[in-house]
């Protein structure tokens, strides 16, 4: 099963062409980091995955289908992004944030209903993420890390086949970053397919086995982490000389 298959896709954002004849495929079980500098097209790719943008030519298939009811897709493909975090209802309480995943909403509302099974699932996810003590805390009063964990829970209640995380540790201090990455690693170790979109090499966990390099709307490389994360490739990708350091499966980038 392919999570994503893009063939010869041309995609515009407004009048600007971001992708021309883009080709990219990601298999289920292939934990992938999509890496590129600002302006590479990562945000546009996320909007294509979320069905906010469609190609003007070529094909984009998600789970081997090119047509989706977006509400059905969101139950199979969980997405956590800074845009969602920024636009989420500030007054929503922690438990409501997690429950809202069942309706793909930014809070829970009076017309929405939840089965006993859905409420039990939400409670289980809340417990697994260790956020029980925040169930009554408004979203706007949470730290960035607390918000991020709740939005992850919002995605997980549907038990999606794959998770897409956009810049997952951006804005987190060191303890929150380490905690969040450990949670992400645990999900991959349990069999969840992960697609991580980033320009931060240090937030690529050891369980990532596939790396896509993007620059100026073009996939300039795709392959194993060992083949893609090299001094030569990253120096070209970011336009500056870098030196990679590998420790316990994590990479860090230093000036060459």
C-alpha atoms as a PDB file:
ATOM      1  CA  UNK A   1       0.000   0.000   0.000  1.00  0.00           C
ATOM      2  CA  UNK A   2       1.299   3.436  -0.922  1.00  0.00           C
ATOM      3  CA  UNK A   3       0.601   6.305   1.451  1.00  0.00           C
ATOM      4  CA  UNK A   4       1.389   8.789  -1.304  1.00  0.00           C
ATOM      5  CA  UNK A   5       2.012   8.586  -5.022  1.00  0.00           C
ATOM      6  CA  UNK A   6       2.498  11.782  -7.031  1.00  0.00           C
ATOM      7  CA  UNK A   7       3.124  11.531 -10.757  1.00  0.00           C
ATOM      8  CA  UNK A   8       4.015  14.472 -13.011  1.00  0.00           C
ATOM      9  CA  UNK A   9       2.035  16.894 -10.837  1.00  0.00           C
ATOM     10  CA  UNK A  10       1.962  20.610 -11.488  1.00  0.00           C
ATOM     11  CA  UNK A  11       0.669  22.611  -8.526  1.00  0.00           C
ATOM     12  CA  UNK A  12      -0.014  26.324  -8.157  1.00  0.00           C
ATOM     13  CA  UNK A  13      -0.535  28.450  -5.056  1.00  0.00           C
ATOM     14  CA  UNK A  14      -2.479  31.374  -6.414  1.00  0.00           C
ATOM     15  CA  UNK A  15      -0.603  32.616  -9.497  1.00  0.00           C
ATOM     16  CA  UNK A  16       2.679  30.983  -8.433  1.00  0.00           C
ATOM     17  CA  UNK A  17       3.711  27.595  -9.778  1.00  0.00           C
ATOM     18  CA  UNK A  18       5.349  25.650  -6.941  1.00  0.00           C
ATOM     19  CA  UNK A  19       5.670  22.198  -8.519  1.00  0.00           C
ATOM     20  CA  UNK A  20       6.206  21.288 -12.153  1.00  0.00           C
ATOM     21  CA  UNK A  21       6.060  17.567 -13.029  1.00  0.00           C
ATOM     22  CA  UNK A  22       6.640  16.547  -9.413  1.00  0.00           C
ATOM     23  CA  UNK A  23       7.136  12.831  -8.755  1.00  0.00           C
ATOM     24  CA  UNK A  24       7.168  11.386  -5.259  1.00  0.00           C
ATOM     25  CA  UNK A  25       6.063   8.122  -3.659  1.00  0.00           C
ATOM     26  CA  UNK A  26       5.978   6.938  -0.047  1.00  0.00           C
ATOM     27  CA  UNK A  27       5.128   3.368   0.905  1.00  0.00           C
ATOM     28  CA  UNK A  28       3.194   2.317   3.985  1.00  0.00           C
ATOM     29  CA  UNK A  29       5.649   1.378   6.731  1.00  0.00           C
ATOM     30  CA  UNK A  30       8.312   3.611   5.177  1.00  0.00           C
ATOM     31  CA  UNK A  31       9.012   6.177   7.882  1.00  0.00           C
ATOM     32  CA  UNK A  32      10.018   9.241   5.909  1.00  0.00           C
ATOM     33  CA  UNK A  33      11.564  12.646   6.512  1.00  0.00           C
ATOM     34  CA  UNK A  34      10.929  15.282   3.849  1.00  0.00           C
ATOM     35  CA  UNK A  35      13.812  17.719   4.246  1.00  0.00           C
ATOM     36  CA  UNK A  36      14.370  21.055   2.568  1.00  0.00           C
ATOM     37  CA  UNK A  37      15.088  24.729   3.185  1.00  0.00           C
ATOM     38  CA  UNK A  38      12.424  27.418   3.350  1.00  0.00           C
ATOM     39  CA  UNK A  39      10.892  27.836  -0.089  1.00  0.00           C
ATOM     40  CA  UNK A  40      11.442  24.195  -1.043  1.00  0.00           C
ATOM     41  CA  UNK A  41       7.715  23.515  -1.382  1.00  0.00           C
ATOM     42  CA  UNK A  42       7.177  21.608   1.856  1.00  0.00           C
ATOM     43  CA  UNK A  43       4.156  23.696   2.925  1.00  0.00           C
ATOM     44  CA  UNK A  44       2.569  23.323  -0.500  1.00  0.00           C
ATOM     45  CA  UNK A  45       3.086  19.567  -0.335  1.00  0.00           C
ATOM     46  CA  UNK A  46       1.288  19.492   3.018  1.00  0.00           C
ATOM     47  CA  UNK A  47      -1.632  21.404   1.525  1.00  0.00           C
ATOM     48  CA  UNK A  48      -1.794  18.854  -1.278  1.00  0.00           C
ATOM     49  CA  UNK A  49      -1.877  16.051   1.296  1.00  0.00           C
ATOM     50  CA  UNK A  50      -4.625  17.844   3.223  1.00  0.00           C
ATOM     51  CA  UNK A  51      -6.610  18.289  -0.022  1.00  0.00           C
ATOM     52  CA  UNK A  52      -6.460  22.049   0.272  1.00  0.00           C
ATOM     53  CA  UNK A  53      -4.664  22.199  -3.090  1.00  0.00           C
ATOM     54  CA  UNK A  54      -5.059  20.042  -6.186  1.00  0.00           C
ATOM     55  CA  UNK A  55      -2.750  19.584  -9.161  1.00  0.00           C
ATOM     56  CA  UNK A  56      -3.581  21.380 -12.394  1.00  0.00           C
ATOM     57  CA  UNK A  57      -2.048  18.420 -14.223  1.00  0.00           C
ATOM     58  CA  UNK A  58      -0.691  15.027 -13.252  1.00  0.00           C
ATOM     59  CA  UNK A  59      -2.035  12.844 -10.453  1.00  0.00           C
ATOM     60  CA  UNK A  60      -1.904  12.770  -6.655  1.00  0.00           C
ATOM     61  CA  UNK A  61      -3.014   9.539  -5.025  1.00  0.00           C
ATOM     62  CA  UNK A  62      -3.299   9.104  -1.264  1.00  0.00           C
ATOM     63  CA  UNK A  63      -3.719   5.516  -0.134  1.00  0.00           C
ATOM     64  CA  UNK A  64      -3.965   4.662  -3.845  1.00  0.00           C
ATOM     65  CA  UNK A  65      -7.022   6.837  -4.462  1.00  0.00           C
ATOM     66  CA  UNK A  66      -7.147  10.209  -6.200  1.00  0.00           C
ATOM     67  CA  UNK A  67     -10.659  11.118  -5.004  1.00  0.00           C
ATOM     68  CA  UNK A  68     -11.524  11.413  -1.333  1.00  0.00           C
ATOM     69  CA  UNK A  69     -14.195  12.641   0.978  1.00  0.00           C
ATOM     70  CA  UNK A  70     -11.853  14.867   2.976  1.00  0.00           C
ATOM     71  CA  UNK A  71     -13.483  13.841   6.278  1.00  0.00           C
ATOM     72  CA  UNK A  72     -12.820  10.165   5.520  1.00  0.00           C
ATOM     73  CA  UNK A  73      -9.229  10.943   4.551  1.00  0.00           C
ATOM     74  CA  UNK A  74      -8.546  12.765   7.806  1.00  0.00           C
ATOM     75  CA  UNK A  75      -9.392   9.585   9.702  1.00  0.00           C
ATOM     76  CA  UNK A  76      -6.710   7.668   7.817  1.00  0.00           C
ATOM     77  CA  UNK A  77      -4.057  10.385   7.545  1.00  0.00           C
ATOM     78  CA  UNK A  78      -3.387  12.333  10.741  1.00  0.00           C
ATOM     79  CA  UNK A  79      -1.861  15.781  10.269  1.00  0.00           C
ATOM     80  CA  UNK A  80      -0.249  17.939  12.965  1.00  0.00           C
ATOM     81  CA  UNK A  81       1.041  21.310  11.768  1.00  0.00           C
ATOM     82  CA  UNK A  82       1.912  24.791  13.047  1.00  0.00           C
ATOM     83  CA  UNK A  83      -1.019  26.157  11.009  1.00  0.00           C
ATOM     84  CA  UNK A  84      -3.443  23.933  12.911  1.00  0.00           C
ATOM     85  CA  UNK A  85      -1.831  24.926  16.191  1.00  0.00           C
ATOM     86  CA  UNK A  86      -2.069  28.628  15.373  1.00  0.00           C
ATOM     87  CA  UNK A  87      -5.699  28.445  14.238  1.00  0.00           C
ATOM     88  CA  UNK A  88      -7.035  26.146  16.947  1.00  0.00           C
ATOM     89  CA  UNK A  89      -9.773  27.565  19.212  1.00  0.00           C
ATOM     90  CA  UNK A  90      -7.959  29.242  22.123  1.00  0.00           C
ATOM     91  CA  UNK A  91     -10.669  28.510  24.695  1.00  0.00           C
ATOM     92  CA  UNK A  92     -10.916  24.782  23.960  1.00  0.00           C
ATOM     93  CA  UNK A  93     -10.084  22.633  26.965  1.00  0.00           C
ATOM     94  CA  UNK A  94      -7.547  19.845  26.752  1.00  0.00           C
ATOM     95  CA  UNK A  95     -10.022  16.964  26.689  1.00  0.00           C
ATOM     96  CA  UNK A  96     -12.034  18.765  23.992  1.00  0.00           C
ATOM     97  CA  UNK A  97      -8.940  19.150  21.804  1.00  0.00           C
ATOM     98  CA  UNK A  98      -8.429  15.387  21.723  1.00  0.00           C
ATOM     99  CA  UNK A  99     -12.141  14.626  21.221  1.00  0.00           C
ATOM    100  CA  UNK A 100     -12.349  17.115  18.351  1.00  0.00           C
ATOM    101  CA  UNK A 101     -10.319  14.738  16.214  1.00  0.00           C
ATOM    102  CA  UNK A 102     -13.420  12.639  15.627  1.00  0.00           C
ATOM    103  CA  UNK A 103     -15.004  15.577  13.773  1.00  0.00           C
ATOM    104  CA  UNK A 104     -11.801  17.198  12.438  1.00  0.00           C
ATOM    105  CA  UNK A 105     -12.927  20.419  14.124  1.00  0.00           C
ATOM    106  CA  UNK A 106     -11.049  23.065  16.131  1.00  0.00           C
ATOM    107  CA  UNK A 107     -13.122  22.559  19.313  1.00  0.00           C
ATOM    108  CA  UNK A 108     -16.189  20.526  20.198  1.00  0.00           C
ATOM    109  CA  UNK A 109     -19.638  22.022  19.687  1.00  0.00           C
ATOM    110  CA  UNK A 110     -23.163  21.414  20.896  1.00  0.00           C
ATOM    111  CA  UNK A 111     -24.357  19.783  17.682  1.00  0.00           C
ATOM    112  CA  UNK A 112     -21.571  17.190  17.818  1.00  0.00           C
ATOM    113  CA  UNK A 113     -22.065  13.877  19.593  1.00  0.00           C
ATOM    114  CA  UNK A 114     -19.584  11.247  20.753  1.00  0.00           C
ATOM    115  CA  UNK A 115     -20.248   7.578  21.377  1.00  0.00           C
ATOM    116  CA  UNK A 116     -19.135   5.832  24.547  1.00  0.00           C
ATOM    117  CA  UNK A 117     -16.470   4.087  22.495  1.00  0.00           C
ATOM    118  CA  UNK A 118     -15.140   7.410  21.163  1.00  0.00           C
ATOM    119  CA  UNK A 119     -14.998   8.900  24.651  1.00  0.00           C
ATOM    120  CA  UNK A 120     -13.161   5.833  25.933  1.00  0.00           C
ATOM    121  CA  UNK A 121     -10.710   6.045  23.040  1.00  0.00           C
ATOM    122  CA  UNK A 122     -10.046   9.712  23.796  1.00  0.00           C
ATOM    123  CA  UNK A 123      -9.443   8.896  27.466  1.00  0.00           C
ATOM    124  CA  UNK A 124      -7.012   6.135  26.493  1.00  0.00           C
ATOM    125  CA  UNK A 125      -5.066   8.459  24.187  1.00  0.00           C
ATOM    126  CA  UNK A 126      -4.991  11.186  26.842  1.00  0.00           C
ATOM    127  CA  UNK A 127      -3.574   8.667  29.309  1.00  0.00           C
ATOM    128  CA  UNK A 128      -0.995   7.297  26.847  1.00  0.00           C
ATOM    129  CA  UNK A 129       0.255  10.821  26.102  1.00  0.00           C
ATOM    130  CA  UNK A 130       0.443  11.700  29.799  1.00  0.00           C
ATOM    131  CA  UNK A 131      -1.786  14.782  29.538  1.00  0.00           C
ATOM    132  CA  UNK A 132      -4.534  13.833  32.008  1.00  0.00           C
ATOM    133  CA  UNK A 133      -3.651  16.765  34.273  1.00  0.00           C
ATOM    134  CA  UNK A 134      -4.347  19.206  31.425  1.00  0.00           C
ATOM    135  CA  UNK A 135      -7.868  18.078  30.552  1.00  0.00           C
ATOM    136  CA  UNK A 136      -9.457  21.330  31.826  1.00  0.00           C
ATOM    137  CA  UNK A 137      -6.704  23.715  30.758  1.00  0.00           C
ATOM    138  CA  UNK A 138      -7.590  26.110  27.895  1.00  0.00           C
ATOM    139  CA  UNK A 139      -5.543  25.600  24.750  1.00  0.00           C
ATOM    140  CA  UNK A 140      -4.295  29.203  24.828  1.00  0.00           C
ATOM    141  CA  UNK A 141      -2.905  28.720  28.349  1.00  0.00           C
ATOM    142  CA  UNK A 142      -0.880  25.643  27.433  1.00  0.00           C
ATOM    143  CA  UNK A 143       2.808  25.694  26.596  1.00  0.00           C
ATOM    144  CA  UNK A 144       3.785  25.027  22.991  1.00  0.00           C
ATOM    145  CA  UNK A 145       4.768  21.481  23.898  1.00  0.00           C
ATOM    146  CA  UNK A 146       1.466  20.846  25.681  1.00  0.00           C
ATOM    147  CA  UNK A 147      -0.452  22.145  22.688  1.00  0.00           C
ATOM    148  CA  UNK A 148       1.560  19.926  20.355  1.00  0.00           C
ATOM    149  CA  UNK A 149       0.843  16.814  22.428  1.00  0.00           C
ATOM    150  CA  UNK A 150      -2.879  17.560  22.444  1.00  0.00           C
ATOM    151  CA  UNK A 151      -2.937  18.007  18.678  1.00  0.00           C
ATOM    152  CA  UNK A 152      -1.086  14.714  18.335  1.00  0.00           C
ATOM    153  CA  UNK A 153      -3.793  13.136  20.499  1.00  0.00           C
ATOM    154  CA  UNK A 154      -6.420  14.749  18.270  1.00  0.00           C
ATOM    155  CA  UNK A 155      -4.887  12.918  15.314  1.00  0.00           C
ATOM    156  CA  UNK A 156      -4.399   9.625  17.152  1.00  0.00           C
ATOM    157  CA  UNK A 157      -8.016   9.100  18.274  1.00  0.00           C
ATOM    158  CA  UNK A 158      -8.850   7.953  14.742  1.00  0.00           C
ATOM    159  CA  UNK A 159      -5.964   5.440  14.757  1.00  0.00           C
ATOM    160  CA  UNK A 160      -4.758   6.766  11.382  1.00  0.00           C
ATOM    161  CA  UNK A 161      -2.685   4.567   9.120  1.00  0.00           C
ATOM    162  CA  UNK A 162      -0.095   7.323   8.777  1.00  0.00           C
ATOM    163  CA  UNK A 163       0.825  10.512  10.607  1.00  0.00           C
ATOM    164  CA  UNK A 164       2.223  13.649   8.994  1.00  0.00           C
ATOM    165  CA  UNK A 165       4.116  15.940  11.368  1.00  0.00           C
ATOM    166  CA  UNK A 166       5.179  19.376  10.142  1.00  0.00           C
ATOM    167  CA  UNK A 167       8.229  20.763  11.971  1.00  0.00           C
ATOM    168  CA  UNK A 168       7.314  18.715  15.050  1.00  0.00           C
ATOM    169  CA  UNK A 169       9.724  20.251  17.563  1.00  0.00           C
ATOM    170  CA  UNK A 170       9.684  23.850  16.335  1.00  0.00           C
ATOM    171  CA  UNK A 171       9.290  26.189  19.319  1.00  0.00           C
ATOM    172  CA  UNK A 172       9.879  23.487  21.950  1.00  0.00           C
ATOM    173  CA  UNK A 173      12.492  23.763  24.674  1.00  0.00           C
ATOM    174  CA  UNK A 174      14.883  20.854  25.176  1.00  0.00           C
ATOM    175  CA  UNK A 175      12.839  18.788  27.704  1.00  0.00           C
ATOM    176  CA  UNK A 176       9.661  19.200  25.631  1.00  0.00           C
ATOM    177  CA  UNK A 177      11.523  18.343  22.426  1.00  0.00           C
ATOM    178  CA  UNK A 178      13.050  15.192  23.911  1.00  0.00           C
ATOM    179  CA  UNK A 179       9.676  14.128  25.320  1.00  0.00           C
ATOM    180  CA  UNK A 180       7.866  14.716  22.039  1.00  0.00           C
ATOM    181  CA  UNK A 181      10.464  12.872  19.987  1.00  0.00           C
ATOM    182  CA  UNK A 182      10.306   9.900  22.360  1.00  0.00           C
ATOM    183  CA  UNK A 183       6.532   9.797  21.841  1.00  0.00           C
ATOM    184  CA  UNK A 184       6.987   9.909  18.066  1.00  0.00           C
ATOM    185  CA  UNK A 185       9.599   7.145  18.249  1.00  0.00           C
ATOM    186  CA  UNK A 186       7.230   4.988  20.271  1.00  0.00           C
ATOM    187  CA  UNK A 187       4.519   5.385  17.636  1.00  0.00           C
ATOM    188  CA  UNK A 188       6.894   4.278  14.871  1.00  0.00           C
ATOM    189  CA  UNK A 189       8.118   1.354  16.949  1.00  0.00           C
ATOM    190  CA  UNK A 190       4.472   0.322  17.385  1.00  0.00           C
ATOM    191  CA  UNK A 191       4.030   0.238  13.609  1.00  0.00           C
ATOM    192  CA  UNK A 192       2.620   3.673  12.779  1.00  0.00           C
ATOM    193  CA  UNK A 193       3.860   5.087   9.459  1.00  0.00           C
ATOM    194  CA  UNK A 194       5.361   8.529   9.988  1.00  0.00           C
ATOM    195  CA  UNK A 195       5.990  11.329   7.505  1.00  0.00           C
ATOM    196  CA  UNK A 196       8.029  14.111   9.085  1.00  0.00           C
ATOM    197  CA  UNK A 197       8.403  17.423   7.241  1.00  0.00           C
ATOM    198  CA  UNK A 198      11.273  19.586   8.420  1.00  0.00           C
ATOM    199  CA  UNK A 199      14.345  21.687   7.782  1.00  0.00           C
ATOM    200  CA  UNK A 200      15.790  20.719  11.197  1.00  0.00           C
ATOM    201  CA  UNK A 201      18.071  17.706  10.862  1.00  0.00           C
ATOM    202  CA  UNK A 202      18.225  17.196  14.633  1.00  0.00           C
ATOM    203  CA  UNK A 203      14.519  16.280  14.844  1.00  0.00           C
ATOM    204  CA  UNK A 204      14.831  13.240  12.567  1.00  0.00           C
ATOM    205  CA  UNK A 205      14.516  10.203  14.901  1.00  0.00           C
ATOM    206  CA  UNK A 206      16.591   7.046  14.390  1.00  0.00           C
ATOM    207  CA  UNK A 207      13.478   5.134  13.237  1.00  0.00           C
ATOM    208  CA  UNK A 208      13.225   7.266  10.084  1.00  0.00           C
ATOM    209  CA  UNK A 209      14.518   5.064   7.254  1.00  0.00           C
ATOM    210  CA  UNK A 210      13.661   7.075   4.136  1.00  0.00           C
ATOM    211  CA  UNK A 211      14.631  10.668   3.331  1.00  0.00           C
ATOM    212  CA  UNK A 212      13.315  12.935   0.586  1.00  0.00           C
ATOM    213  CA  UNK A 213      15.368  16.031  -0.242  1.00  0.00           C
ATOM    214  CA  UNK A 214      13.411  18.958  -1.727  1.00  0.00           C
ATOM    215  CA  UNK A 215      14.690  22.234  -3.124  1.00  0.00           C
ATOM    216  CA  UNK A 216      12.903  24.885  -5.199  1.00  0.00           C
ATOM    217  CA  UNK A 217       9.871  22.650  -5.722  1.00  0.00           C
ATOM    218  CA  UNK A 218      11.959  19.717  -6.975  1.00  0.00           C
ATOM    219  CA  UNK A 219      12.760  16.366  -5.378  1.00  0.00           C
ATOM    220  CA  UNK A 220      16.557  16.410  -5.668  1.00  0.00           C
ATOM    221  CA  UNK A 221      17.075  13.111  -3.875  1.00  0.00           C
ATOM    222  CA  UNK A 222      15.268  10.210  -2.245  1.00  0.00           C
ATOM    223  CA  UNK A 223      16.638   7.115  -0.597  1.00  0.00           C
ATOM    224  CA  UNK A 224      17.880   5.651   2.652  1.00  0.00           C
ATOM    225  CA  UNK A 225      18.828   7.986   5.467  1.00  0.00           C
ATOM    226  CA  UNK A 226      22.452   6.869   5.245  1.00  0.00           C
ATOM    227  CA  UNK A 227      22.631   7.732   1.540  1.00  0.00           C
ATOM    228  CA  UNK A 228      20.757  11.042   1.717  1.00  0.00           C
ATOM    229  CA  UNK A 229      22.071  12.589   4.930  1.00  0.00           C
ATOM    230  CA  UNK A 230      25.617  13.332   3.870  1.00  0.00           C
ATOM    231  CA  UNK A 231      27.802  16.435   4.028  1.00  0.00           C
ATOM    232  CA  UNK A 232      27.689  16.753   0.227  1.00  0.00           C
ATOM    233  CA  UNK A 233      23.921  16.404  -0.153  1.00  0.00           C
ATOM    234  CA  UNK A 234      23.007  18.745   2.693  1.00  0.00           C
ATOM    235  CA  UNK A 235      25.585  21.352   1.713  1.00  0.00           C
ATOM    236  CA  UNK A 236      24.005  21.459  -1.746  1.00  0.00           C
ATOM    237  CA  UNK A 237      20.463  21.395  -0.345  1.00  0.00           C
ATOM    238  CA  UNK A 238      20.911  24.339   2.029  1.00  0.00           C
ATOM    239  CA  UNK A 239      23.475  26.246  -0.008  1.00  0.00           C
ATOM    240  CA  UNK A 240      26.204  26.301   2.646  1.00  0.00           C
ATOM    241  CA  UNK A 241      29.008  23.990   3.690  1.00  0.00           C
ATOM    242  CA  UNK A 242      27.969  21.728   6.570  1.00  0.00           C
ATOM    243  CA  UNK A 243      29.459  18.933   8.634  1.00  0.00           C
ATOM    244  CA  UNK A 244      27.169  16.150   9.883  1.00  0.00           C
ATOM    245  CA  UNK A 245      27.594  14.529  13.270  1.00  0.00           C
ATOM    246  CA  UNK A 246      25.860  11.203  14.037  1.00  0.00           C
ATOM    247  CA  UNK A 247      25.279  10.128  17.646  1.00  0.00           C
ATOM    248  CA  UNK A 248      23.026   7.231  18.678  1.00  0.00           C
ATOM    249  CA  UNK A 249      21.100   7.448  15.421  1.00  0.00           C
ATOM    250  CA  UNK A 250      20.470  11.195  15.627  1.00  0.00           C
ATOM    251  CA  UNK A 251      22.138  13.672  13.289  1.00  0.00           C
ATOM    252  CA  UNK A 252      23.260  17.199  13.992  1.00  0.00           C
ATOM    253  CA  UNK A 253      24.565  19.765  11.524  1.00  0.00           C
ATOM    254  CA  UNK A 254      27.560  21.994  12.198  1.00  0.00           C
ATOM    255  CA  UNK A 255      29.304  24.590  10.022  1.00  0.00           C
ATOM    256  CA  UNK A 256      31.971  22.909   7.920  1.00  0.00           C
END
